[in-house]
Amino acid sequence: MATPDFVLTLREKVGHDELWLPGVTAVVLRGAEVLLVRRADSGAWTPVTGIVDPGEEPAVAAEREVLEEADVIAHVESLSWVKVIDLVTYDNGDRSRYLDLVFRCSWVSGEPFPADGENTEAAWFSLDALPALSADMSERIKVAVIGAESTRFER
């Protein structure tokens, strides 16, 4: 499901006004490989991303999104980066801004495939042979791979 039910309910009340939503990026590593998905809406390769459900722990959301989107079981190791995503305006006029929590995750099991229809492909890529990525997605992967002892906070 591309848009969670709780967001659709909020949209009934606020229309296209800007929503502030918590999001996650799961950078799943298997040795020197990273899990990427190709988004059905834009065709872009990205790590798995998603919205945190109301009351859901963010690390649980990251693991859930990886399972839902790529049929891979992953374990969150650490919070790598906390950042605010620039305002997103969707084709229908909805506006959202996300507090993105980038998690470094380790692969537990499963071979990726596009499990829920949000993506057209899911695959492992060598960290030294990534497909074309946006600068933002490249930075999310880089920060998670470095695996610093402390979380990066934007200021």
C-alpha atoms as a PDB file:
ATOM      1  CA  MET A   1       0.000   0.000   0.000  1.00  0.00           C
ATOM      2  CA  ALA A   2       1.543   3.293  -1.081  1.00  0.00           C
ATOM      3  CA  THR A   3      -0.379   5.605   1.263  1.00  0.00           C
ATOM      4  CA  PRO A   4      -1.217   4.334   4.759  1.00  0.00           C
ATOM      5  CA  ASP A   5      -4.867   4.453   5.814  1.00  0.00           C
ATOM      6  CA  PHE A   6      -4.130   6.871   8.658  1.00  0.00           C
ATOM      7  CA  VAL A   7      -2.670   9.376   6.166  1.00  0.00           C
ATOM      8  CA  LEU A   8      -5.752   9.062   3.946  1.00  0.00           C
ATOM      9  CA  THR A   9      -7.933   9.751   7.009  1.00  0.00           C
ATOM     10  CA  LEU A  10      -5.853  12.818   7.870  1.00  0.00           C
ATOM     11  CA  ARG A  11      -6.109  14.020   4.270  1.00  0.00           C
ATOM     12  CA  GLU A  12      -9.923  13.914   4.534  1.00  0.00           C
ATOM     13  CA  LYS A  13      -9.601  16.485   7.332  1.00  0.00           C
ATOM     14  CA  VAL A  14      -6.717  18.694   6.177  1.00  0.00           C
ATOM     15  CA  GLY A  15      -6.979  18.410   2.415  1.00  0.00           C
ATOM     16  CA  HIS A  16      -3.712  19.211   0.654  1.00  0.00           C
ATOM     17  CA  ASP A  17      -2.210  21.114   3.624  1.00  0.00           C
ATOM     18  CA  GLU A  18       1.292  20.133   4.668  1.00  0.00           C
ATOM     19  CA  LEU A  19       1.521  17.058   6.883  1.00  0.00           C
ATOM     20  CA  TRP A  20       4.494  16.423   9.173  1.00  0.00           C
ATOM     21  CA  LEU A  21       5.177  12.680   9.138  1.00  0.00           C
ATOM     22  CA  PRO A  22       7.835  10.420  10.614  1.00  0.00           C
ATOM     23  CA  GLY A  23       9.599   8.323   7.986  1.00  0.00           C
ATOM     24  CA  VAL A  24      12.309   5.693   7.902  1.00  0.00           C
ATOM     25  CA  THR A  25      15.061   4.736   5.508  1.00  0.00           C
ATOM     26  CA  ALA A  26      16.394   1.206   5.957  1.00  0.00           C
ATOM     27  CA  VAL A  27      19.909   0.764   4.592  1.00  0.00           C
ATOM     28  CA  VAL A  28      20.164  -3.029   4.638  1.00  0.00           C
ATOM     29  CA  LEU A  29      23.692  -4.404   4.346  1.00  0.00           C
ATOM     30  CA  ARG A  30      24.780  -7.944   3.499  1.00  0.00           C
ATOM     31  CA  GLY A  31      28.565  -7.964   3.590  1.00  0.00           C
ATOM     32  CA  ALA A  32      29.695  -5.473   0.927  1.00  0.00           C
ATOM     33  CA  GLU A  33      26.220  -5.291  -0.628  1.00  0.00           C
ATOM     34  CA  VAL A  34      23.247  -3.016  -0.061  1.00  0.00           C
ATOM     35  CA  LEU A  35      19.579  -3.749  -0.712  1.00  0.00           C
ATOM     36  CA  LEU A  36      17.923  -1.348  -3.149  1.00  0.00           C
ATOM     37  CA  VAL A  37      14.436  -1.144  -4.618  1.00  0.00           C
ATOM     38  CA  ARG A  38      13.303   0.530  -7.839  1.00  0.00           C
ATOM     39  CA  ARG A  39      10.294   2.714  -7.083  1.00  0.00           C
ATOM     40  CA  ALA A  40       7.224   2.122  -9.240  1.00  0.00           C
ATOM     41  CA  ASP A  41       6.245   5.811  -9.146  1.00  0.00           C
ATOM     42  CA  SER A  42       9.551   7.365 -10.254  1.00  0.00           C
ATOM     43  CA  GLY A  43      11.749   4.501 -11.460  1.00  0.00           C
ATOM     44  CA  ALA A  44      14.464   5.631  -9.026  1.00  0.00           C
ATOM     45  CA  TRP A  45      16.647   3.171  -7.127  1.00  0.00           C
ATOM     46  CA  THR A  46      16.571   3.788  -3.362  1.00  0.00           C
ATOM     47  CA  PRO A  47      17.026   1.986  -0.086  1.00  0.00           C
ATOM     48  CA  VAL A  48      13.705   0.884   1.395  1.00  0.00           C
ATOM     49  CA  THR A  49      11.759   3.858   2.764  1.00  0.00           C
ATOM     50  CA  GLY A  50       8.413   4.217   4.451  1.00  0.00           C
ATOM     51  CA  ILE A  51       6.157   5.950   6.926  1.00  0.00           C
ATOM     52  CA  VAL A  52       6.011   5.066  10.623  1.00  0.00           C
ATOM     53  CA  ASP A  53       2.512   3.990  11.651  1.00  0.00           C
ATOM     54  CA  PRO A  54       0.891   5.727  14.662  1.00  0.00           C
ATOM     55  CA  GLY A  55       2.360   4.324  17.875  1.00  0.00           C
ATOM     56  CA  GLU A  56       4.904   2.175  16.018  1.00  0.00           C
ATOM     57  CA  GLU A  57       8.525   2.160  17.131  1.00  0.00           C
ATOM     58  CA  PRO A  58      10.653   3.559  14.282  1.00  0.00           C
ATOM     59  CA  ALA A  59      13.123   0.636  14.250  1.00  0.00           C
ATOM     60  CA  VAL A  60      10.184  -1.770  14.014  1.00  0.00           C
ATOM     61  CA  ALA A  61       8.819   0.328  11.135  1.00  0.00           C
ATOM     62  CA  ALA A  62      12.139   0.037   9.272  1.00  0.00           C
ATOM     63  CA  GLU A  63      12.192  -3.748   9.655  1.00  0.00           C
ATOM     64  CA  ARG A  64       8.500  -3.980   8.670  1.00  0.00           C
ATOM     65  CA  GLU A  65       9.006  -1.867   5.544  1.00  0.00           C
ATOM     66  CA  VAL A  66      11.925  -4.057   4.393  1.00  0.00           C
ATOM     67  CA  LEU A  67       9.794  -7.179   4.793  1.00  0.00           C
ATOM     68  CA  GLU A  68       6.739  -5.615   3.108  1.00  0.00           C
ATOM     69  CA  GLU A  69       8.606  -4.063   0.191  1.00  0.00           C
ATOM     70  CA  ALA A  70      11.378  -6.575  -0.517  1.00  0.00           C
ATOM     71  CA  ASP A  71      10.427  -9.780   1.365  1.00  0.00           C
ATOM     72  CA  VAL A  72      13.739  -9.604   3.233  1.00  0.00           C
ATOM     73  CA  ILE A  73      14.100  -9.981   6.980  1.00  0.00           C
ATOM     74  CA  ALA A  74      16.473  -7.359   8.365  1.00  0.00           C
ATOM     75  CA  HIS A  75      17.600  -6.325  11.827  1.00  0.00           C
ATOM     76  CA  VAL A  76      18.137  -2.683  12.770  1.00  0.00           C
ATOM     77  CA  GLU A  77      21.644  -2.200  14.162  1.00  0.00           C
ATOM     78  CA  SER A  78      21.770   1.548  14.699  1.00  0.00           C
ATOM     79  CA  LEU A  79      20.265   4.930  13.982  1.00  0.00           C
ATOM     80  CA  SER A  80      22.645   6.607  11.539  1.00  0.00           C
ATOM     81  CA  TRP A  81      21.067   9.937  10.639  1.00  0.00           C
ATOM     82  CA  VAL A  82      18.165  12.157  11.674  1.00  0.00           C
ATOM     83  CA  LYS A  83      17.130  14.701   9.063  1.00  0.00           C
ATOM     84  CA  VAL A  84      14.185  16.635   7.707  1.00  0.00           C
ATOM     85  CA  ILE A  85      13.278  16.010   4.076  1.00  0.00           C
ATOM     86  CA  ASP A  86      12.424  19.065   1.982  1.00  0.00           C
ATOM     87  CA  LEU A  87       8.741  19.652   1.362  1.00  0.00           C
ATOM     88  CA  VAL A  88       7.299  17.075  -1.052  1.00  0.00           C
ATOM     89  CA  THR A  89       4.370  18.084  -3.244  1.00  0.00           C
ATOM     90  CA  TYR A  90       2.638  15.133  -4.856  1.00  0.00           C
ATOM     91  CA  ASP A  91       0.920  15.131  -8.258  1.00  0.00           C
ATOM     92  CA  ASN A  92      -2.501  15.377  -6.585  1.00  0.00           C
ATOM     93  CA  GLY A  93      -1.441  18.513  -4.649  1.00  0.00           C
ATOM     94  CA  ASP A  94      -0.884  16.822  -1.272  1.00  0.00           C
ATOM     95  CA  ARG A  95       2.084  18.271   0.614  1.00  0.00           C
ATOM     96  CA  SER A  96       4.170  16.448   3.192  1.00  0.00           C
ATOM     97  CA  ARG A  97       7.400  16.973   5.056  1.00  0.00           C
ATOM     98  CA  TYR A  98       9.147  14.004   6.640  1.00  0.00           C
ATOM     99  CA  LEU A  99      11.355  13.587   9.666  1.00  0.00           C
ATOM    100  CA  ASP A 100      13.538  10.826   8.209  1.00  0.00           C
ATOM    101  CA  LEU A 101      15.314   8.355  10.460  1.00  0.00           C
ATOM    102  CA  VAL A 102      18.048   6.523   8.556  1.00  0.00           C
ATOM    103  CA  PHE A 103      18.785   3.106  10.049  1.00  0.00           C
ATOM    104  CA  ARG A 104      21.741   0.841   9.392  1.00  0.00           C
ATOM    105  CA  CYS A 105      20.314  -2.677   9.123  1.00  0.00           C
ATOM    106  CA  SER A 106      21.835  -6.105   8.715  1.00  0.00           C
ATOM    107  CA  TRP A 107      20.413  -8.804   6.474  1.00  0.00           C
ATOM    108  CA  VAL A 108      18.981 -11.818   8.309  1.00  0.00           C
ATOM    109  CA  SER A 109      17.343 -13.850   5.542  1.00  0.00           C
ATOM    110  CA  GLY A 110      15.455 -13.749   2.288  1.00  0.00           C
ATOM    111  CA  GLU A 111      16.182 -12.930  -1.322  1.00  0.00           C
ATOM    112  CA  PRO A 112      14.717  -9.642  -2.491  1.00  0.00           C
ATOM    113  CA  PHE A 113      11.849  -9.204  -4.872  1.00  0.00           C
ATOM    114  CA  PRO A 114       9.251  -6.412  -5.200  1.00  0.00           C
ATOM    115  CA  ALA A 115       6.739  -7.813  -2.741  1.00  0.00           C
ATOM    116  CA  ASP A 116       4.032  -5.164  -2.358  1.00  0.00           C
ATOM    117  CA  GLY A 117       3.664  -3.347  -5.673  1.00  0.00           C
ATOM    118  CA  GLU A 118       5.377  -0.144  -4.522  1.00  0.00           C
ATOM    119  CA  ASN A 119       8.507  -1.208  -6.413  1.00  0.00           C
ATOM    120  CA  THR A 120       9.230  -2.860  -9.735  1.00  0.00           C
ATOM    121  CA  GLU A 121      12.564  -4.404  -8.722  1.00  0.00           C
ATOM    122  CA  ALA A 122      14.486  -5.285  -5.572  1.00  0.00           C
ATOM    123  CA  ALA A 123      18.102  -6.424  -5.604  1.00  0.00           C
ATOM    124  CA  TRP A 124      21.471  -6.498  -3.893  1.00  0.00           C
ATOM    125  CA  PHE A 125      24.141  -4.163  -5.238  1.00  0.00           C
ATOM    126  CA  SER A 126      27.828  -4.096  -4.482  1.00  0.00           C
ATOM    127  CA  LEU A 127      28.683  -0.924  -2.583  1.00  0.00           C
ATOM    128  CA  ASP A 128      31.317  -0.147  -5.216  1.00  0.00           C
ATOM    129  CA  ALA A 129      28.933  -0.665  -8.164  1.00  0.00           C
ATOM    130  CA  LEU A 130      25.688   1.105  -7.296  1.00  0.00           C
ATOM    131  CA  PRO A 131      23.145   2.124  -9.932  1.00  0.00           C
ATOM    132  CA  ALA A 132      22.440   5.809 -10.498  1.00  0.00           C
ATOM    133  CA  LEU A 133      21.062   7.275  -7.257  1.00  0.00           C
ATOM    134  CA  SER A 134      19.994  10.749  -6.200  1.00  0.00           C
ATOM    135  CA  ALA A 135      22.575  12.650  -4.165  1.00  0.00           C
ATOM    136  CA  ASP A 136      20.292  12.397  -1.128  1.00  0.00           C
ATOM    137  CA  MET A 137      19.918   8.611  -1.368  1.00  0.00           C
ATOM    138  CA  SER A 138      23.659   8.200  -1.951  1.00  0.00           C
ATOM    139  CA  GLU A 139      24.320  10.209   1.207  1.00  0.00           C
ATOM    140  CA  ARG A 140      21.852   8.136   3.242  1.00  0.00           C
ATOM    141  CA  ILE A 141      23.678   4.966   2.197  1.00  0.00           C
ATOM    142  CA  LYS A 142      27.096   6.507   2.841  1.00  0.00           C
ATOM    143  CA  VAL A 143      26.179   7.664   6.346  1.00  0.00           C
ATOM    144  CA  ALA A 144      24.759   4.245   7.264  1.00  0.00           C
ATOM    145  CA  VAL A 145      27.690   2.327   5.784  1.00  0.00           C
ATOM    146  CA  ILE A 146      30.219   4.428   7.693  1.00  0.00           C
ATOM    147  CA  GLY A 147      28.429   3.288  10.835  1.00  0.00           C
ATOM    148  CA  ALA A 148      29.764   6.036  13.096  1.00  0.00           C
ATOM    149  CA  GLU A 149      29.482   5.531  16.827  1.00  0.00           C
ATOM    150  CA  SER A 150      27.053   8.427  17.084  1.00  0.00           C
ATOM    151  CA  THR A 151      24.029   9.485  15.083  1.00  0.00           C
ATOM    152  CA  ARG A 152      24.393  12.351  12.587  1.00  0.00           C
ATOM    153  CA  PHE A 153      22.023  15.222  13.339  1.00  0.00           C
ATOM    154  CA  GLU A 154      21.403  18.049  10.867  1.00  0.00           C
ATOM    155  CA  ARG A 155      21.551  21.620  12.097  1.00  0.00           C
END
